[in-house]
């Protein structure tokens, strides 16, 4: 391989990595948002 072919392949390798880092995510996680609290409310007991 010539020097220019090696530089071209190295540039393509780095450009593809940068593209993957800065592109929008393709994860299909569901949007959960804010969930209401459904537990018991804390009742502070009297001091000792």
PDB file of N, CA and C in Angstrom:
ATOM      1  N   UNK A   1       0.834  -1.181   0.000  1.00  0.00           N
ATOM      2  CA  UNK A   1       0.000   0.000   0.000  1.00  0.00           C
ATOM      3  C   UNK A   1       0.876   1.241   0.000  1.00  0.00           C
ATOM      4  N   UNK A   2       0.398   2.213  -0.663  1.00  0.00           N
ATOM      5  CA  UNK A   2       1.149   3.461  -0.675  1.00  0.00           C
ATOM      6  C   UNK A   2       0.811   4.276   0.568  1.00  0.00           C
ATOM      7  N   UNK A   3       1.589   5.284   0.777  1.00  0.00           N
ATOM      8  CA  UNK A   3       1.402   6.136   1.947  1.00  0.00           C
ATOM      9  C   UNK A   3       0.026   6.798   1.928  1.00  0.00           C
ATOM     10  N   UNK A   4      -0.404   7.259   0.766  1.00  0.00           N
ATOM     11  CA  UNK A   4      -1.694   7.930   0.670  1.00  0.00           C
ATOM     12  C   UNK A   4      -2.861   6.983   0.928  1.00  0.00           C
ATOM     13  N   UNK A   5      -2.732   5.741   0.522  1.00  0.00           N
ATOM     14  CA  UNK A   5      -3.785   4.763   0.790  1.00  0.00           C
ATOM     15  C   UNK A   5      -3.870   4.474   2.283  1.00  0.00           C
ATOM     16  N   UNK A   6      -2.741   4.387   2.953  1.00  0.00           N
ATOM     17  CA  UNK A   6      -2.740   4.163   4.408  1.00  0.00           C
ATOM     18  C   UNK A   6      -3.325   5.363   5.139  1.00  0.00           C
ATOM     19  N   UNK A   7      -2.967   6.576   4.707  1.00  0.00           N
ATOM     20  CA  UNK A   7      -3.536   7.763   5.331  1.00  0.00           C
ATOM     21  C   UNK A   7      -5.039   7.841   5.095  1.00  0.00           C
ATOM     22  N   UNK A   8      -5.468   7.476   3.903  1.00  0.00           N
ATOM     23  CA  UNK A   8      -6.895   7.481   3.591  1.00  0.00           C
ATOM     24  C   UNK A   8      -7.648   6.476   4.454  1.00  0.00           C
ATOM     25  N   UNK A   9      -7.129   5.280   4.599  1.00  0.00           N
ATOM     26  CA  UNK A   9      -7.808   4.274   5.422  1.00  0.00           C
ATOM     27  C   UNK A   9      -7.809   4.677   6.895  1.00  0.00           C
ATOM     28  N   UNK A  10      -6.746   5.306   7.376  1.00  0.00           N
ATOM     29  CA  UNK A  10      -6.709   5.779   8.759  1.00  0.00           C
ATOM     30  C   UNK A  10      -7.728   6.901   8.966  1.00  0.00           C
ATOM     31  N   UNK A  11      -7.844   7.802   8.006  1.00  0.00           N
ATOM     32  CA  UNK A  11      -8.814   8.882   8.101  1.00  0.00           C
ATOM     33  C   UNK A  11     -10.238   8.336   8.108  1.00  0.00           C
ATOM     34  N   UNK A  12     -10.524   7.377   7.258  1.00  0.00           N
ATOM     35  CA  UNK A  12     -11.858   6.776   7.210  1.00  0.00           C
ATOM     36  C   UNK A  12     -12.168   6.081   8.534  1.00  0.00           C
ATOM     37  N   UNK A  13     -11.207   5.382   9.086  1.00  0.00           N
ATOM     38  CA  UNK A  13     -11.386   4.698  10.364  1.00  0.00           C
ATOM     39  C   UNK A  13     -11.736   5.707  11.461  1.00  0.00           C
ATOM     40  N   UNK A  14     -11.023   6.805  11.537  1.00  0.00           N
ATOM     41  CA  UNK A  14     -11.275   7.819  12.558  1.00  0.00           C
ATOM     42  C   UNK A  14     -12.583   8.568  12.296  1.00  0.00           C
ATOM     43  N   UNK A  15     -12.895   8.815  11.039  1.00  0.00           N
ATOM     44  CA  UNK A  15     -14.134   9.516  10.709  1.00  0.00           C
ATOM     45  C   UNK A  15     -15.358   8.677  11.065  1.00  0.00           C
ATOM     46  N   UNK A  16     -15.307   7.377  10.824  1.00  0.00           N
ATOM     47  CA  UNK A  16     -16.419   6.505  11.190  1.00  0.00           C
ATOM     48  C   UNK A  16     -16.602   6.447  12.708  1.00  0.00           C
ATOM     49  N   UNK A  17     -15.508   6.435  13.449  1.00  0.00           N
ATOM     50  CA  UNK A  17     -15.597   6.437  14.905  1.00  0.00           C
ATOM     51  C   UNK A  17     -16.213   7.737  15.403  1.00  0.00           C
ATOM     52  N   UNK A  18     -15.793   8.863  14.846  1.00  0.00           N
ATOM     53  CA  UNK A  18     -16.362  10.154  15.242  1.00  0.00           C
ATOM     54  C   UNK A  18     -17.843  10.218  14.883  1.00  0.00           C
ATOM     55  N   UNK A  19     -18.208   9.659  13.754  1.00  0.00           N
ATOM     56  CA  UNK A  19     -19.613   9.635  13.351  1.00  0.00           C
ATOM     57  C   UNK A  19     -20.461   8.850  14.343  1.00  0.00           C
ATOM     58  N   UNK A  20     -19.956   7.693  14.795  1.00  0.00           N
ATOM     59  CA  UNK A  20     -20.698   6.895  15.767  1.00  0.00           C
ATOM     60  C   UNK A  20     -20.823   7.612  17.096  1.00  0.00           C
ATOM     61  N   UNK A  21     -19.795   8.346  17.501  1.00  0.00           N
ATOM     62  CA  UNK A  21     -19.828   9.037  18.790  1.00  0.00           C
ATOM     63  C   UNK A  21     -20.828  10.191  18.764  1.00  0.00           C
ATOM     64  N   UNK A  22     -20.823  10.971  17.698  1.00  0.00           N
ATOM     65  CA  UNK A  22     -21.624  12.184  17.652  1.00  0.00           C
ATOM     66  C   UNK A  22     -22.959  12.041  16.932  1.00  0.00           C
ATOM     67  N   UNK A  23     -23.320  10.858  16.477  1.00  0.00           N
ATOM     68  CA  UNK A  23     -24.620  10.669  15.838  1.00  0.00           C
ATOM     69  C   UNK A  23     -25.679  10.413  16.910  1.00  0.00           C
ATOM     70  N   UNK A  24     -26.960  10.635  16.575  1.00  0.00           N
ATOM     71  CA  UNK A  24     -28.027  10.362  17.545  1.00  0.00           C
ATOM     72  C   UNK A  24     -28.057   8.874  17.901  1.00  0.00           C
ATOM     73  N   UNK A  25     -28.459   8.610  19.113  1.00  0.00           N
ATOM     74  CA  UNK A  25     -28.510   7.218  19.565  1.00  0.00           C
ATOM     75  C   UNK A  25     -29.668   6.490  18.906  1.00  0.00           C
ATOM     76  N   UNK A  26     -29.480   5.213  18.672  1.00  0.00           N
ATOM     77  CA  UNK A  26     -30.516   4.398  18.059  1.00  0.00           C
ATOM     78  C   UNK A  26     -31.088   3.402  19.052  1.00  0.00           C
ATOM     79  N   UNK A  27     -30.920   3.676  20.341  1.00  0.00           N
ATOM     80  CA  UNK A  27     -31.468   2.808  21.367  1.00  0.00           C
ATOM     81  C   UNK A  27     -32.983   2.972  21.410  1.00  0.00           C
ATOM     82  N   UNK A  28     -33.684   1.894  21.600  1.00  0.00           N
ATOM     83  CA  UNK A  28     -35.145   1.932  21.601  1.00  0.00           C
ATOM     84  C   UNK A  28     -35.681   1.793  23.022  1.00  0.00           C
ATOM     85  N   UNK A  29     -35.156   2.564  23.948  1.00  0.00           N
ATOM     86  CA  UNK A  29     -35.649   2.518  25.318  1.00  0.00           C
ATOM     87  C   UNK A  29     -36.990   3.253  25.387  1.00  0.00           C
ATOM     88  N   UNK A  30     -37.934   2.749  26.183  1.00  0.00           N
ATOM     89  CA  UNK A  30     -39.208   3.465  26.308  1.00  0.00           C
ATOM     90  C   UNK A  30     -39.035   4.738  27.125  1.00  0.00           C
ATOM     91  N   UNK A  31     -39.811   5.746  26.797  1.00  0.00           N
ATOM     92  CA  UNK A  31     -39.771   6.998  27.544  1.00  0.00           C
ATOM     93  C   UNK A  31     -40.557   6.805  28.833  1.00  0.00           C
ATOM     94  N   UNK A  32     -39.879   6.854  29.972  1.00  0.00           N
ATOM     95  CA  UNK A  32     -40.557   6.594  31.237  1.00  0.00           C
ATOM     96  C   UNK A  32     -41.060   7.872  31.880  1.00  0.00           C
ATOM     97  N   UNK A  33     -40.287   8.921  31.857  1.00  0.00           N
ATOM     98  CA  UNK A  33     -40.712  10.178  32.445  1.00  0.00           C
ATOM     99  C   UNK A  33     -40.737  10.115  33.964  1.00  0.00           C
ATOM    100  N   UNK A  34     -41.411  11.069  34.572  1.00  0.00           N
ATOM    101  CA  UNK A  34     -41.510  11.177  36.017  1.00  0.00           C
ATOM    102  C   UNK A  34     -42.598  10.232  36.509  1.00  0.00           C
ATOM    103  N   UNK A  35     -42.272   9.404  37.490  1.00  0.00           N
ATOM    104  CA  UNK A  35     -43.228   8.457  38.038  1.00  0.00           C
ATOM    105  C   UNK A  35     -43.708   8.945  39.397  1.00  0.00           C
ATOM    106  N   UNK A  36     -45.000   8.871  39.672  1.00  0.00           N
ATOM    107  CA  UNK A  36     -45.497   9.303  40.976  1.00  0.00           C
ATOM    108  C   UNK A  36     -45.050   8.335  42.069  1.00  0.00           C
ATOM    109  N   UNK A  37     -44.899   8.868  43.272  1.00  0.00           N
ATOM    110  CA  UNK A  37     -44.490   8.052  44.408  1.00  0.00           C
ATOM    111  C   UNK A  37     -45.709   7.320  44.929  1.00  0.00           C
ATOM    112  N   UNK A  38     -45.618   6.010  45.050  1.00  0.00           N
ATOM    113  CA  UNK A  38     -46.773   5.233  45.497  1.00  0.00           C
ATOM    114  C   UNK A  38     -46.515   4.532  46.826  1.00  0.00           C
ATOM    115  N   UNK A  39     -45.516   4.954  47.579  1.00  0.00           N
ATOM    116  CA  UNK A  39     -45.212   4.324  48.856  1.00  0.00           C
ATOM    117  C   UNK A  39     -45.872   5.046  50.008  1.00  0.00           C
ATOM    118  N   UNK A  40     -45.473   4.666  51.198  1.00  0.00           N
ATOM    119  CA  UNK A  40     -46.018   5.296  52.394  1.00  0.00           C
ATOM    120  C   UNK A  40     -45.239   6.569  52.707  1.00  0.00           C
ATOM    121  N   UNK A  41     -45.933   7.560  53.211  1.00  0.00           N
ATOM    122  CA  UNK A  41     -45.312   8.812  53.575  1.00  0.00           C
ATOM    123  C   UNK A  41     -44.591   8.625  54.911  1.00  0.00           C
ATOM    124  N   UNK A  42     -43.376   9.168  55.020  1.00  0.00           N
ATOM    125  CA  UNK A  42     -42.578   9.042  56.224  1.00  0.00           C
ATOM    126  C   UNK A  42     -43.174   9.925  57.309  1.00  0.00           C
ATOM    127  N   UNK A  43     -43.497   9.315  58.438  1.00  0.00           N
ATOM    128  CA  UNK A  43     -44.003  10.069  59.579  1.00  0.00           C
ATOM    129  C   UNK A  43     -42.919  10.086  60.644  1.00  0.00           C
ATOM    130  N   UNK A  44     -42.370  11.260  60.910  1.00  0.00           N
ATOM    131  CA  UNK A  44     -41.299  11.371  61.871  1.00  0.00           C
ATOM    132  C   UNK A  44     -41.828  11.112  63.282  1.00  0.00           C
ATOM    133  N   UNK A  45     -41.192  10.171  63.963  1.00  0.00           N
ATOM    134  CA  UNK A  45     -41.612   9.851  65.336  1.00  0.00           C
ATOM    135  C   UNK A  45     -41.039  10.892  66.296  1.00  0.00           C
ATOM    136  N   UNK A  46     -41.572  10.949  67.469  1.00  0.00           N
ATOM    137  CA  UNK A  46     -41.112  11.921  68.449  1.00  0.00           C
ATOM    138  C   UNK A  46     -39.680  11.626  68.864  1.00  0.00           C
ATOM    139  N   UNK A  47     -38.992  12.657  69.321  1.00  0.00           N
ATOM    140  CA  UNK A  47     -37.603  12.514  69.757  1.00  0.00           C
ATOM    141  C   UNK A  47     -37.555  11.588  70.975  1.00  0.00           C
ATOM    142  N   UNK A  48     -36.472  10.984  71.260  1.00  0.00           N
ATOM    143  CA  UNK A  48     -36.314  10.066  72.373  1.00  0.00           C
ATOM    144  C   UNK A  48     -36.515  10.777  73.616  1.00  0.00           C
TER     145      UNK A  48
END
